[in-house]
């Protein structure tokens, strides 16, 4: 059974940083593309970033987070991270990680259409 568990959310002031973690199990971790999505209250889900396998080596970011957020993966720990810097109040949302098996799509596909498996989310609140 595929399981994705997010952690690392919390309350931070604008300009601060947080690192989210997504711990995965139940599948061959390095084969899967892993993404981060978010949903603010009253808004639609937004794709934030994704990373493909280590051998494929691609990352992709939404324009709204480019240059501030960094996605990375540690295959030894079956974990993907989202380092979030220079946080803004508009980054406030529930953040979800998600996974999809190969073959991998390119460009903004995952951020637009989502992925196959989802975690339950972690809340990030950025105060002004």
Foldseek 3Di string as FASTA:
>chain_A
DKAWAKDWADEAAAQAKTKMKIAIDDDQLLQKKKFKWWDAPPGDIFTAKIAHHVVVGDIAGDPVQPPFWDWDDDSVRSMIMIIGGRDDQVVWTWMKMAIAGDPDDDDCVCRVPNHDGIHPTDTHGYHD
